[in-house]
C-alpha atoms as a PDB file:
ATOM      1  CA  UNK A   1     -15.779 -18.946  42.166  1.00  0.00           C
ATOM      2  CA  UNK A   2     -15.215 -15.181  42.236  1.00  0.00           C
ATOM      3  CA  UNK A   3     -11.543 -15.765  41.615  1.00  0.00           C
ATOM      4  CA  UNK A   4     -12.331 -17.816  38.500  1.00  0.00           C
ATOM      5  CA  UNK A   5     -14.761 -15.197  37.153  1.00  0.00           C
ATOM      6  CA  UNK A   6     -12.221 -12.449  37.836  1.00  0.00           C
ATOM      7  CA  UNK A   7      -9.459 -14.396  36.062  1.00  0.00           C
ATOM      8  CA  UNK A   8     -11.652 -15.094  33.024  1.00  0.00           C
ATOM      9  CA  UNK A   9     -12.820 -11.477  32.861  1.00  0.00           C
ATOM     10  CA  UNK A  10      -9.217 -10.278  33.107  1.00  0.00           C
ATOM     11  CA  UNK A  11      -8.132 -12.629  30.334  1.00  0.00           C
ATOM     12  CA  UNK A  12     -10.993 -11.452  28.097  1.00  0.00           C
ATOM     13  CA  UNK A  13     -10.081  -7.810  28.669  1.00  0.00           C
ATOM     14  CA  UNK A  14      -6.415  -8.554  27.921  1.00  0.00           C
ATOM     15  CA  UNK A  15      -7.295 -10.346  24.682  1.00  0.00           C
ATOM     16  CA  UNK A  16      -9.661  -7.581  23.612  1.00  0.00           C
ATOM     17  CA  UNK A  17      -7.030  -4.905  24.254  1.00  0.00           C
ATOM     18  CA  UNK A  18      -4.458  -6.969  22.363  1.00  0.00           C
ATOM     19  CA  UNK A  19      -6.882  -7.345  19.444  1.00  0.00           C
ATOM     20  CA  UNK A  20      -7.512  -3.593  19.304  1.00  0.00           C
ATOM     21  CA  UNK A  21      -3.796  -2.839  19.478  1.00  0.00           C
ATOM     22  CA  UNK A  22      -2.987  -5.277  16.665  1.00  0.00           C
ATOM     23  CA  UNK A  23      -5.829  -3.965  14.520  1.00  0.00           C
ATOM     24  CA  UNK A  24      -4.636  -0.373  14.927  1.00  0.00           C
ATOM     25  CA  UNK A  25      -1.059  -1.403  14.223  1.00  0.00           C
ATOM     26  CA  UNK A  26      -2.121  -3.285  11.067  1.00  0.00           C
ATOM     27  CA  UNK A  27      -4.115  -0.308   9.771  1.00  0.00           C
ATOM     28  CA  UNK A  28      -1.180   1.994  10.469  1.00  0.00           C
ATOM     29  CA  UNK A  29       1.189  -0.309   8.575  1.00  0.00           C
ATOM     30  CA  UNK A  30      -1.275  -0.561   5.692  1.00  0.00           C
ATOM     31  CA  UNK A  31      -1.526   3.223   5.466  1.00  0.00           C
ATOM     32  CA  UNK A  32       2.274   3.458   5.427  1.00  0.00           C
ATOM     33  CA  UNK A  33       2.477   0.905   2.591  1.00  0.00           C
ATOM     34  CA  UNK A  34      -0.175   2.780   0.610  1.00  0.00           C
ATOM     35  CA  UNK A  35       1.753   6.049   0.997  1.00  0.00           C
ATOM     36  CA  UNK A  36       4.944   4.310  -0.153  1.00  0.00           C
ATOM     37  CA  UNK A  37       3.176   2.880  -3.214  1.00  0.00           C
ATOM     38  CA  UNK A  38       1.721   6.303  -4.032  1.00  0.00           C
ATOM     39  CA  UNK A  39       5.211   7.820  -3.855  1.00  0.00           C
ATOM     40  CA  UNK A  40       6.570   5.097  -6.151  1.00  0.00           C
ATOM     41  CA  UNK A  41       3.748   5.695  -8.609  1.00  0.00           C
ATOM     42  CA  UNK A  42       4.520   9.416  -8.711  1.00  0.00           C
ATOM     43  CA  UNK A  43       8.215   8.649  -9.187  1.00  0.00           C
ATOM     44  CA  UNK A  44       7.419   6.279 -12.074  1.00  0.00           C
ATOM     45  CA  UNK A  45       5.230   8.960 -13.656  1.00  0.00           C
ATOM     46  CA  UNK A  46       8.070  11.499 -13.462  1.00  0.00           C
ATOM     47  CA  UNK A  47      10.482   9.031 -15.086  1.00  0.00           C
ATOM     48  CA  UNK A  48       8.022   8.328 -17.912  1.00  0.00           C
ATOM     49  CA  UNK A  49       7.393  12.030 -18.528  1.00  0.00           C
ATOM     50  CA  UNK A  50      11.123  12.741 -18.626  1.00  0.00           C
ATOM     51  CA  UNK A  51      11.791   9.810 -20.963  1.00  0.00           C
ATOM     52  CA  UNK A  52       9.001  10.797 -23.341  1.00  0.00           C
ATOM     53  CA  UNK A  53      10.652  14.143 -24.131  1.00  0.00           C
ATOM     54  CA  UNK A  54      13.971  12.495 -24.962  1.00  0.00           C
ATOM     55  CA  UNK A  55      14.902  10.790 -28.204  1.00  0.00           C
ATOM     56  CA  UNK A  56      15.643   7.213 -27.119  1.00  0.00           C
ATOM     57  CA  UNK A  57      17.034   4.829 -29.730  1.00  0.00           C
ATOM     58  CA  UNK A  58      18.130   1.946 -27.504  1.00  0.00           C
ATOM     59  CA  UNK A  59      15.587  -0.831 -28.058  1.00  0.00           C
ATOM     60  CA  UNK A  60      16.137  -2.367 -24.620  1.00  0.00           C
ATOM     61  CA  UNK A  61      15.582   1.007 -22.947  1.00  0.00           C
ATOM     62  CA  UNK A  62      12.411   1.509 -24.991  1.00  0.00           C
ATOM     63  CA  UNK A  63      11.202  -1.925 -23.887  1.00  0.00           C
ATOM     64  CA  UNK A  64      11.838  -1.018 -20.244  1.00  0.00           C
ATOM     65  CA  UNK A  65      10.040   2.282 -20.720  1.00  0.00           C
ATOM     66  CA  UNK A  66       7.055   0.521 -22.292  1.00  0.00           C
ATOM     67  CA  UNK A  67       6.863  -1.878 -19.342  1.00  0.00           C
ATOM     68  CA  UNK A  68       7.129   1.003 -16.872  1.00  0.00           C
ATOM     69  CA  UNK A  69       4.282   2.825 -18.625  1.00  0.00           C
ATOM     70  CA  UNK A  70       2.096  -0.302 -18.503  1.00  0.00           C
ATOM     71  CA  UNK A  71       2.789  -0.842 -14.807  1.00  0.00           C
ATOM     72  CA  UNK A  72       2.275   2.843 -14.039  1.00  0.00           C
ATOM     73  CA  UNK A  73      -1.142   2.917 -15.698  1.00  0.00           C
ATOM     74  CA  UNK A  74      -2.101  -0.334 -13.974  1.00  0.00           C
ATOM     75  CA  UNK A  75      -1.113   1.275 -10.672  1.00  0.00           C
ATOM     76  CA  UNK A  76      -3.260   4.332 -11.404  1.00  0.00           C
ATOM     77  CA  UNK A  77      -6.163   2.107 -12.379  1.00  0.00           C
ATOM     78  CA  UNK A  78      -5.872  -0.011  -9.228  1.00  0.00           C
ATOM     79  CA  UNK A  79      -5.573   3.101  -7.081  1.00  0.00           C
ATOM     80  CA  UNK A  80      -8.637   4.674  -8.704  1.00  0.00           C
ATOM     81  CA  UNK A  81     -10.670   1.504  -8.201  1.00  0.00           C
ATOM     82  CA  UNK A  82      -9.613   1.311  -4.557  1.00  0.00           C
ATOM     83  CA  UNK A  83     -10.866   4.873  -4.034  1.00  0.00           C
ATOM     84  CA  UNK A  84     -14.245   3.924  -5.505  1.00  0.00           C
ATOM     85  CA  UNK A  85     -14.584   0.987  -3.102  1.00  0.00           C
ATOM     86  CA  UNK A  86     -13.951   3.147  -0.020  1.00  0.00           C
END
């Protein structure tokens, strides 16, 4: 009987430790993804600022720039909302 209780207790401890490890690992990966997205958002902002001071006549390039601006502002909005929820 003691052997069974010891085995069950050991298994529970192992599962709990595994759960904590996976949770920490997931949070760490999430933080890394958030930092990467923040860096991409800053990079997009720099590209938009640089493009806005240039005289661009290519309609396809202007369309790409418009899309980048829309996505950039959506990213800022989503980021701001995520900060409010924390």
